[in-house]
C-alpha atoms as a PDB file:
ATOM      1  CA  UNK A   1     173.704  74.092-172.970  1.00  0.00           C
ATOM      2  CA  UNK A   2     172.413  74.434-169.368  1.00  0.00           C
ATOM      3  CA  UNK A   3     169.716  76.593-167.808  1.00  0.00           C
ATOM      4  CA  UNK A   4     171.321  79.852-168.927  1.00  0.00           C
ATOM      5  CA  UNK A   5     171.169  78.770-172.587  1.00  0.00           C
ATOM      6  CA  UNK A   6     167.421  78.074-172.370  1.00  0.00           C
ATOM      7  CA  UNK A   7     166.537  81.397-170.729  1.00  0.00           C
ATOM      8  CA  UNK A   8     166.723  83.511-173.941  1.00  0.00           C
ATOM      9  CA  UNK A   9     164.661  80.909-175.825  1.00  0.00           C
ATOM     10  CA  UNK A  10     161.968  80.843-173.145  1.00  0.00           C
ATOM     11  CA  UNK A  11     161.918  84.644-172.901  1.00  0.00           C
ATOM     12  CA  UNK A  12     161.618  84.904-176.692  1.00  0.00           C
ATOM     13  CA  UNK A  13     158.644  82.530-176.626  1.00  0.00           C
ATOM     14  CA  UNK A  14     156.951  84.468-173.815  1.00  0.00           C
ATOM     15  CA  UNK A  15     157.524  87.711-175.704  1.00  0.00           C
ATOM     16  CA  UNK A  16     156.130  86.116-178.877  1.00  0.00           C
ATOM     17  CA  UNK A  17     152.958  85.020-177.076  1.00  0.00           C
ATOM     18  CA  UNK A  18     152.503  88.484-175.573  1.00  0.00           C
ATOM     19  CA  UNK A  19     152.983  90.181-178.944  1.00  0.00           C
ATOM     20  CA  UNK A  20     150.590  87.753-180.644  1.00  0.00           C
ATOM     21  CA  UNK A  21     147.949  88.458-177.983  1.00  0.00           C
ATOM     22  CA  UNK A  22     148.414  92.196-178.455  1.00  0.00           C
ATOM     23  CA  UNK A  23     148.065  91.871-182.242  1.00  0.00           C
ATOM     24  CA  UNK A  24     144.883  89.798-181.905  1.00  0.00           C
ATOM     25  CA  UNK A  25     143.417  92.342-179.484  1.00  0.00           C
ATOM     26  CA  UNK A  26     144.100  95.176-181.933  1.00  0.00           C
ATOM     27  CA  UNK A  27     143.029  93.349-185.104  1.00  0.00           C
ATOM     28  CA  UNK A  28     139.980  94.762-186.884  1.00  0.00           C
ATOM     29  CA  UNK A  29     136.659  92.997-186.466  1.00  0.00           C
ATOM     30  CA  UNK A  30     136.023  90.172-188.894  1.00  0.00           C
ATOM     31  CA  UNK A  31     133.250  90.705-191.440  1.00  0.00           C
ATOM     32  CA  UNK A  32     131.090  88.154-189.605  1.00  0.00           C
ATOM     33  CA  UNK A  33     130.979  90.566-186.670  1.00  0.00           C
ATOM     34  CA  UNK A  34     129.973  93.553-188.798  1.00  0.00           C
ATOM     35  CA  UNK A  35     126.465  94.950-188.764  1.00  0.00           C
ATOM     36  CA  UNK A  36     124.214  95.010-191.774  1.00  0.00           C
ATOM     37  CA  UNK A  37     124.583  98.220-193.786  1.00  0.00           C
ATOM     38  CA  UNK A  38     122.634  99.935-196.509  1.00  0.00           C
ATOM     39  CA  UNK A  39     124.628  99.422-199.712  1.00  0.00           C
ATOM     40  CA  UNK A  40     122.384 101.257-202.207  1.00  0.00           C
ATOM     41  CA  UNK A  41     118.902 102.677-202.633  1.00  0.00           C
ATOM     42  CA  UNK A  42     116.577 103.615-205.465  1.00  0.00           C
ATOM     43  CA  UNK A  43     115.844 106.495-205.317  1.00  0.00           C
ATOM     44  CA  UNK A  44     119.285 107.415-204.003  1.00  0.00           C
ATOM     45  CA  UNK A  45     119.837 109.600-200.955  1.00  0.00           C
ATOM     46  CA  UNK A  46     119.367 113.242-201.984  1.00  0.00           C
ATOM     47  CA  UNK A  47     117.925 112.377-205.418  1.00  0.00           C
ATOM     48  CA  UNK A  48     115.926 115.114-207.192  1.00  0.00           C
ATOM     49  CA  UNK A  49     113.296 113.338-209.310  1.00  0.00           C
ATOM     50  CA  UNK A  50     111.149 114.957-211.996  1.00  0.00           C
ATOM     51  CA  UNK A  51     108.659 112.061-211.861  1.00  0.00           C
ATOM     52  CA  UNK A  52     107.516 110.209-208.735  1.00  0.00           C
ATOM     53  CA  UNK A  53     108.910 106.710-208.235  1.00  0.00           C
ATOM     54  CA  UNK A  54     106.520 103.752-208.007  1.00  0.00           C
ATOM     55  CA  UNK A  55     108.563 102.154-205.217  1.00  0.00           C
ATOM     56  CA  UNK A  56     111.597 102.444-202.965  1.00  0.00           C
ATOM     57  CA  UNK A  57     114.217  99.677-203.158  1.00  0.00           C
ATOM     58  CA  UNK A  58     116.925  99.249-200.503  1.00  0.00           C
ATOM     59  CA  UNK A  59     119.901  96.924-200.894  1.00  0.00           C
ATOM     60  CA  UNK A  60     121.880  95.828-197.849  1.00  0.00           C
ATOM     61  CA  UNK A  61     125.183  94.020-197.272  1.00  0.00           C
ATOM     62  CA  UNK A  62     123.473  91.009-195.643  1.00  0.00           C
ATOM     63  CA  UNK A  63     120.324  89.029-196.346  1.00  0.00           C
ATOM     64  CA  UNK A  64     117.188  90.443-194.756  1.00  0.00           C
ATOM     65  CA  UNK A  65     114.751  88.633-192.510  1.00  0.00           C
ATOM     66  CA  UNK A  66     111.188  89.653-193.492  1.00  0.00           C
ATOM     67  CA  UNK A  67     110.041  89.385-189.871  1.00  0.00           C
ATOM     68  CA  UNK A  68     112.559  91.991-188.732  1.00  0.00           C
ATOM     69  CA  UNK A  69     112.568  94.436-191.649  1.00  0.00           C
ATOM     70  CA  UNK A  70     110.691  97.724-191.522  1.00  0.00           C
ATOM     71  CA  UNK A  71     110.651 100.413-194.219  1.00  0.00           C
ATOM     72  CA  UNK A  72     108.609 103.583-193.642  1.00  0.00           C
ATOM     73  CA  UNK A  73     108.297 106.556-196.016  1.00  0.00           C
ATOM     74  CA  UNK A  74     107.130 109.913-194.635  1.00  0.00           C
ATOM     75  CA  UNK A  75     106.349 113.210-196.327  1.00  0.00           C
ATOM     76  CA  UNK A  76     107.592 116.685-195.401  1.00  0.00           C
ATOM     77  CA  UNK A  77     104.751 116.845-192.872  1.00  0.00           C
ATOM     78  CA  UNK A  78     106.244 113.784-191.075  1.00  0.00           C
ATOM     79  CA  UNK A  79     103.146 111.716-191.853  1.00  0.00           C
ATOM     80  CA  UNK A  80     103.585 108.176-193.200  1.00  0.00           C
ATOM     81  CA  UNK A  81     102.959 107.712-196.922  1.00  0.00           C
ATOM     82  CA  UNK A  82     100.736 104.684-197.751  1.00  0.00           C
ATOM     83  CA  UNK A  83     102.882 101.782-198.997  1.00  0.00           C
ATOM     84  CA  UNK A  84     102.715  98.038-199.300  1.00  0.00           C
ATOM     85  CA  UNK A  85     104.334  95.792-196.699  1.00  0.00           C
ATOM     86  CA  UNK A  86     108.076  95.392-197.351  1.00  0.00           C
ATOM     87  CA  UNK A  87     108.848  92.785-200.016  1.00  0.00           C
ATOM     88  CA  UNK A  88     112.100  90.982-199.188  1.00  0.00           C
ATOM     89  CA  UNK A  89     114.347  89.097-201.614  1.00  0.00           C
ATOM     90  CA  UNK A  90     117.808  88.227-200.287  1.00  0.00           C
ATOM     91  CA  UNK A  91     119.619  91.482-199.543  1.00  0.00           C
ATOM     92  CA  UNK A  92     116.881  93.661-201.085  1.00  0.00           C
ATOM     93  CA  UNK A  93     113.826  95.155-199.445  1.00  0.00           C
ATOM     94  CA  UNK A  94     111.226  97.288-201.203  1.00  0.00           C
ATOM     95  CA  UNK A  95     107.916  99.021-200.649  1.00  0.00           C
ATOM     96  CA  UNK A  96     105.556 100.156-203.416  1.00  0.00           C
ATOM     97  CA  UNK A  97     103.462 103.309-203.137  1.00  0.00           C
ATOM     98  CA  UNK A  98      99.718 102.647-203.142  1.00  0.00           C
ATOM     99  CA  UNK A  99      99.088 106.151-204.527  1.00  0.00           C
ATOM    100  CA  UNK A 100     101.280 108.344-206.733  1.00  0.00           C
ATOM    101  CA  UNK A 101     103.522 110.705-204.774  1.00  0.00           C
ATOM    102  CA  UNK A 102     102.963 114.435-205.102  1.00  0.00           C
ATOM    103  CA  UNK A 103     105.761 116.995-205.357  1.00  0.00           C
ATOM    104  CA  UNK A 104     107.736 117.263-202.165  1.00  0.00           C
ATOM    105  CA  UNK A 105     110.553 115.856-200.067  1.00  0.00           C
ATOM    106  CA  UNK A 106     110.210 112.347-198.665  1.00  0.00           C
ATOM    107  CA  UNK A 107     112.164 110.552-195.963  1.00  0.00           C
ATOM    108  CA  UNK A 108     112.781 106.810-196.085  1.00  0.00           C
ATOM    109  CA  UNK A 109     113.484 105.250-192.674  1.00  0.00           C
ATOM    110  CA  UNK A 110     114.505 101.631-192.310  1.00  0.00           C
ATOM    111  CA  UNK A 111     115.201  99.178-189.528  1.00  0.00           C
ATOM    112  CA  UNK A 112     116.738  95.743-190.117  1.00  0.00           C
ATOM    113  CA  UNK A 113     118.451  93.172-187.927  1.00  0.00           C
ATOM    114  CA  UNK A 114     122.022  91.998-188.559  1.00  0.00           C
ATOM    115  CA  UNK A 115     123.012  88.313-188.531  1.00  0.00           C
ATOM    116  CA  UNK A 116     124.393  88.862-185.040  1.00  0.00           C
ATOM    117  CA  UNK A 117     120.960  90.044-183.846  1.00  0.00           C
ATOM    118  CA  UNK A 118     121.737  93.748-183.540  1.00  0.00           C
ATOM    119  CA  UNK A 119     119.174  96.164-184.981  1.00  0.00           C
ATOM    120  CA  UNK A 120     120.437  98.654-187.536  1.00  0.00           C
ATOM    121  CA  UNK A 121     118.450 101.680-188.594  1.00  0.00           C
ATOM    122  CA  UNK A 122     118.896 104.728-190.733  1.00  0.00           C
ATOM    123  CA  UNK A 123     117.132 107.245-192.930  1.00  0.00           C
ATOM    124  CA  UNK A 124     117.637 109.237-196.121  1.00  0.00           C
ATOM    125  CA  UNK A 125     115.549 111.573-198.247  1.00  0.00           C
ATOM    126  CA  UNK A 126     114.690 112.269-201.874  1.00  0.00           C
ATOM    127  CA  UNK A 127     112.656 114.968-203.578  1.00  0.00           C
ATOM    128  CA  UNK A 128     109.954 114.723-206.230  1.00  0.00           C
ATOM    129  CA  UNK A 129     109.372 117.832-208.380  1.00  0.00           C
ATOM    130  CA  UNK A 130     110.026 121.013-206.455  1.00  0.00           C
ATOM    131  CA  UNK A 131     111.624 120.739-203.042  1.00  0.00           C
ATOM    132  CA  UNK A 132     109.805 121.250-199.786  1.00  0.00           C
ATOM    133  CA  UNK A 133     111.468 121.661-196.432  1.00  0.00           C
ATOM    134  CA  UNK A 134     111.533 118.398-194.499  1.00  0.00           C
ATOM    135  CA  UNK A 135     111.224 118.515-190.758  1.00  0.00           C
ATOM    136  CA  UNK A 136     114.560 119.721-189.357  1.00  0.00           C
ATOM    137  CA  UNK A 137     114.625 117.286-186.469  1.00  0.00           C
ATOM    138  CA  UNK A 138     115.017 113.646-187.375  1.00  0.00           C
ATOM    139  CA  UNK A 139     113.323 111.537-184.741  1.00  0.00           C
ATOM    140  CA  UNK A 140     115.657 109.512-182.535  1.00  0.00           C
ATOM    141  CA  UNK A 141     113.888 106.345-183.662  1.00  0.00           C
ATOM    142  CA  UNK A 142     112.286 107.040-187.058  1.00  0.00           C
ATOM    143  CA  UNK A 143     111.041 103.465-187.415  1.00  0.00           C
ATOM    144  CA  UNK A 144     108.774 101.963-184.764  1.00  0.00           C
ATOM    145  CA  UNK A 145     110.723  99.369-182.807  1.00  0.00           C
ATOM    146  CA  UNK A 146     109.525  95.908-181.968  1.00  0.00           C
ATOM    147  CA  UNK A 147     109.438  95.487-178.174  1.00  0.00           C
ATOM    148  CA  UNK A 148     110.798  91.961-178.621  1.00  0.00           C
ATOM    149  CA  UNK A 149     114.069  93.308-180.000  1.00  0.00           C
ATOM    150  CA  UNK A 150     116.776  95.606-178.721  1.00  0.00           C
ATOM    151  CA  UNK A 151     115.999  99.279-179.263  1.00  0.00           C
ATOM    152  CA  UNK A 152     119.469 100.726-179.735  1.00  0.00           C
ATOM    153  CA  UNK A 153     120.761 101.627-183.168  1.00  0.00           C
ATOM    154  CA  UNK A 154     124.388 100.894-182.341  1.00  0.00           C
ATOM    155  CA  UNK A 155     123.573  97.450-180.983  1.00  0.00           C
ATOM    156  CA  UNK A 156     125.927  97.695-178.012  1.00  0.00           C
ATOM    157  CA  UNK A 157     128.687  95.158-178.484  1.00  0.00           C
ATOM    158  CA  UNK A 158     132.276  95.302-177.348  1.00  0.00           C
ATOM    159  CA  UNK A 159     134.052  98.508-178.230  1.00  0.00           C
ATOM    160  CA  UNK A 160     137.763  99.067-178.797  1.00  0.00           C
ATOM    161  CA  UNK A 161     138.492 100.430-175.294  1.00  0.00           C
ATOM    162  CA  UNK A 162     137.764  97.161-173.431  1.00  0.00           C
ATOM    163  CA  UNK A 163     139.847  95.222-175.965  1.00  0.00           C
ATOM    164  CA  UNK A 164     142.789  97.617-175.566  1.00  0.00           C
ATOM    165  CA  UNK A 165     142.458  97.420-171.776  1.00  0.00           C
ATOM    166  CA  UNK A 166     142.414  93.613-171.912  1.00  0.00           C
ATOM    167  CA  UNK A 167     145.503  93.563-174.146  1.00  0.00           C
ATOM    168  CA  UNK A 168     147.297  95.941-171.773  1.00  0.00           C
ATOM    169  CA  UNK A 169     146.385  93.779-168.793  1.00  0.00           C
ATOM    170  CA  UNK A 170     147.607  90.693-170.631  1.00  0.00           C
ATOM    171  CA  UNK A 171     150.920  92.378-171.430  1.00  0.00           C
ATOM    172  CA  UNK A 172     151.371  93.483-167.816  1.00  0.00           C
ATOM    173  CA  UNK A 173     150.511  90.006-166.568  1.00  0.00           C
ATOM    174  CA  UNK A 174     152.975  88.384-168.978  1.00  0.00           C
ATOM    175  CA  UNK A 175     155.676  90.887-167.985  1.00  0.00           C
ATOM    176  CA  UNK A 176     155.098  90.231-164.297  1.00  0.00           C
ATOM    177  CA  UNK A 177     155.203  86.467-164.879  1.00  0.00           C
ATOM    178  CA  UNK A 178     158.472  86.779-166.806  1.00  0.00           C
ATOM    179  CA  UNK A 179     159.984  88.972-164.078  1.00  0.00           C
ATOM    180  CA  UNK A 180     158.950  86.514-161.350  1.00  0.00           C
ATOM    181  CA  UNK A 181     160.289  83.597-163.401  1.00  0.00           C
ATOM    182  CA  UNK A 182     163.640  85.335-163.876  1.00  0.00           C
ATOM    183  CA  UNK A 183     163.799  86.243-160.193  1.00  0.00           C
ATOM    184  CA  UNK A 184     163.008  82.650-159.183  1.00  0.00           C
ATOM    185  CA  UNK A 185     165.572  81.227-161.626  1.00  0.00           C
ATOM    186  CA  UNK A 186     168.219  83.664-160.363  1.00  0.00           C
ATOM    187  CA  UNK A 187     167.684  82.631-156.723  1.00  0.00           C
ATOM    188  CA  UNK A 188     168.671  79.023-157.498  1.00  0.00           C
END
């Protein structure tokens, strides 16, 4: 078959490796890399309740670590409402109110840590009885952060742009290697 017969096979393999690398670079993140997310809450976000709830229950997509779970409820005046410490059971976290809530709008802010160590935080509100106007500005960090942990909500991590750039560089490198190989083989 000779050297000329092998060239298309080798080029096909190089092209296959380059395409596989590009596909891997553009593949979506695996679930293990995903951050913890709020799946459900009781009361639900935006709920209008006739009677005050006795507690707030949050359910997440990953198990919670009691050491790194914070749940804070504030009233329309942005003052914390007295609650118990968060009770954690698997993917659920809850706080019970130590006094009955009065009519008004309440904000629930939470901060948990994903399996990968990134903090995740968020907030939602519900109303008991007649609505009151909550503060219009949501604080940048509604839950006090622990100085021993990262303080960013997005957790940093590798974004899509560096992965696309790496895939592009890999494709260019493979193309240059193939061109040099062909040039070298042609000079013989």
